[in-house]
């Protein structure tokens, strides 16, 4: 089963995240199947970049988003 989740990057105290597709059994820092976006909570307002086509592709194939990724997808879809 595939999951859309955040993968943390950045220095200590300065997090930045990539939104990735991974196997749900793998740990957070494991190898991702595909990179579909990024999230930077330190900018004001928070910077969210998501490739809508890739996200839709994986969601249509049964990938489940984590609660945080789901809220980010909702925010991006409301902007448009």
C-alpha atoms as a PDB file:
ATOM      1  CA  UNK A   1       0.000   0.000   0.000  1.00  0.00           C
ATOM      2  CA  UNK A   2       1.318   3.425  -0.960  1.00  0.00           C
ATOM      3  CA  UNK A   3       1.149   6.543   1.197  1.00  0.00           C
ATOM      4  CA  UNK A   4       1.581  10.247   0.485  1.00  0.00           C
ATOM      5  CA  UNK A   5       3.620  11.669   3.346  1.00  0.00           C
ATOM      6  CA  UNK A   6       6.169  14.282   4.321  1.00  0.00           C
ATOM      7  CA  UNK A   7       9.912  13.607   4.231  1.00  0.00           C
ATOM      8  CA  UNK A   8      11.930  16.010   6.397  1.00  0.00           C
ATOM      9  CA  UNK A   9      14.949  17.908   5.082  1.00  0.00           C
ATOM     10  CA  UNK A  10      16.861  20.911   6.337  1.00  0.00           C
ATOM     11  CA  UNK A  11      19.109  21.727   9.240  1.00  0.00           C
ATOM     12  CA  UNK A  12      18.326  21.389  12.906  1.00  0.00           C
ATOM     13  CA  UNK A  13      15.617  23.909  13.777  1.00  0.00           C
ATOM     14  CA  UNK A  14      15.026  24.808  10.122  1.00  0.00           C
ATOM     15  CA  UNK A  15      12.759  22.101   8.718  1.00  0.00           C
ATOM     16  CA  UNK A  16      11.704  21.812   5.121  1.00  0.00           C
ATOM     17  CA  UNK A  17       9.656  18.933   3.779  1.00  0.00           C
ATOM     18  CA  UNK A  18       9.154  17.073   0.526  1.00  0.00           C
ATOM     19  CA  UNK A  19       5.816  15.473  -0.245  1.00  0.00           C
ATOM     20  CA  UNK A  20       6.597  11.968  -1.454  1.00  0.00           C
ATOM     21  CA  UNK A  21       4.976   8.653  -2.354  1.00  0.00           C
ATOM     22  CA  UNK A  22       6.358   5.758  -0.295  1.00  0.00           C
ATOM     23  CA  UNK A  23       5.392   2.265   0.762  1.00  0.00           C
ATOM     24  CA  UNK A  24       3.380   2.616   3.985  1.00  0.00           C
ATOM     25  CA  UNK A  25       5.596   0.062   5.781  1.00  0.00           C
ATOM     26  CA  UNK A  26       8.797   2.073   5.230  1.00  0.00           C
ATOM     27  CA  UNK A  27      10.239   4.624   7.707  1.00  0.00           C
ATOM     28  CA  UNK A  28       9.994   8.387   7.088  1.00  0.00           C
ATOM     29  CA  UNK A  29      13.512   8.737   5.678  1.00  0.00           C
ATOM     30  CA  UNK A  30      13.329   5.739   3.322  1.00  0.00           C
ATOM     31  CA  UNK A  31      13.654   5.861  -0.450  1.00  0.00           C
ATOM     32  CA  UNK A  32      10.635   7.490  -2.103  1.00  0.00           C
ATOM     33  CA  UNK A  33       8.835   6.137  -5.176  1.00  0.00           C
ATOM     34  CA  UNK A  34       8.124   9.659  -6.429  1.00  0.00           C
ATOM     35  CA  UNK A  35       8.548  13.262  -5.325  1.00  0.00           C
ATOM     36  CA  UNK A  36       5.313  15.232  -5.867  1.00  0.00           C
ATOM     37  CA  UNK A  37       5.838  18.507  -4.027  1.00  0.00           C
ATOM     38  CA  UNK A  38       7.367  20.502  -1.198  1.00  0.00           C
ATOM     39  CA  UNK A  39       6.299  22.308   1.963  1.00  0.00           C
ATOM     40  CA  UNK A  40       8.243  25.038   3.745  1.00  0.00           C
ATOM     41  CA  UNK A  41       6.559  26.032   7.038  1.00  0.00           C
ATOM     42  CA  UNK A  42       9.188  28.682   7.873  1.00  0.00           C
ATOM     43  CA  UNK A  43       8.112  31.146   5.186  1.00  0.00           C
ATOM     44  CA  UNK A  44       5.265  33.535   5.892  1.00  0.00           C
ATOM     45  CA  UNK A  45       2.804  32.399   4.643  1.00  0.00           C
ATOM     46  CA  UNK A  46       3.943  28.767   4.451  1.00  0.00           C
ATOM     47  CA  UNK A  47       5.090  27.773   0.969  1.00  0.00           C
ATOM     48  CA  UNK A  48       3.231  24.775  -0.487  1.00  0.00           C
ATOM     49  CA  UNK A  49       4.081  23.439  -3.952  1.00  0.00           C
ATOM     50  CA  UNK A  50       2.274  20.306  -5.164  1.00  0.00           C
ATOM     51  CA  UNK A  51       2.109  18.761  -8.639  1.00  0.00           C
ATOM     52  CA  UNK A  52      -1.666  18.233  -8.819  1.00  0.00           C
ATOM     53  CA  UNK A  53      -1.458  15.748 -11.717  1.00  0.00           C
ATOM     54  CA  UNK A  54       0.997  13.461  -9.900  1.00  0.00           C
ATOM     55  CA  UNK A  55      -1.021  13.675  -6.676  1.00  0.00           C
ATOM     56  CA  UNK A  56      -4.233  12.770  -8.520  1.00  0.00           C
ATOM     57  CA  UNK A  57      -2.442   9.898 -10.297  1.00  0.00           C
ATOM     58  CA  UNK A  58      -1.380   8.319  -6.984  1.00  0.00           C
ATOM     59  CA  UNK A  59      -4.656   9.006  -5.184  1.00  0.00           C
ATOM     60  CA  UNK A  60      -6.552   7.326  -8.044  1.00  0.00           C
ATOM     61  CA  UNK A  61      -4.366   4.248  -7.573  1.00  0.00           C
ATOM     62  CA  UNK A  62      -5.242   3.934  -3.897  1.00  0.00           C
ATOM     63  CA  UNK A  63      -2.444   5.857  -2.190  1.00  0.00           C
ATOM     64  CA  UNK A  64      -3.604   7.261   1.145  1.00  0.00           C
ATOM     65  CA  UNK A  65      -2.393  10.705   2.226  1.00  0.00           C
ATOM     66  CA  UNK A  66      -1.234  11.312   5.791  1.00  0.00           C
ATOM     67  CA  UNK A  67      -3.365  13.766   7.779  1.00  0.00           C
ATOM     68  CA  UNK A  68      -0.858  16.585   7.203  1.00  0.00           C
ATOM     69  CA  UNK A  69      -0.572  15.935   3.466  1.00  0.00           C
ATOM     70  CA  UNK A  70      -4.353  15.762   3.212  1.00  0.00           C
ATOM     71  CA  UNK A  71      -4.674  19.208   4.814  1.00  0.00           C
ATOM     72  CA  UNK A  72      -1.963  20.586   2.474  1.00  0.00           C
ATOM     73  CA  UNK A  73      -3.807  19.166  -0.557  1.00  0.00           C
ATOM     74  CA  UNK A  74      -7.027  20.815   0.660  1.00  0.00           C
ATOM     75  CA  UNK A  75      -5.268  24.190   1.072  1.00  0.00           C
ATOM     76  CA  UNK A  76      -3.784  24.027  -2.437  1.00  0.00           C
ATOM     77  CA  UNK A  77      -7.085  23.016  -4.035  1.00  0.00           C
ATOM     78  CA  UNK A  78      -8.921  25.886  -2.272  1.00  0.00           C
ATOM     79  CA  UNK A  79      -6.420  28.437  -3.642  1.00  0.00           C
ATOM     80  CA  UNK A  80      -7.325  27.585  -7.236  1.00  0.00           C
END
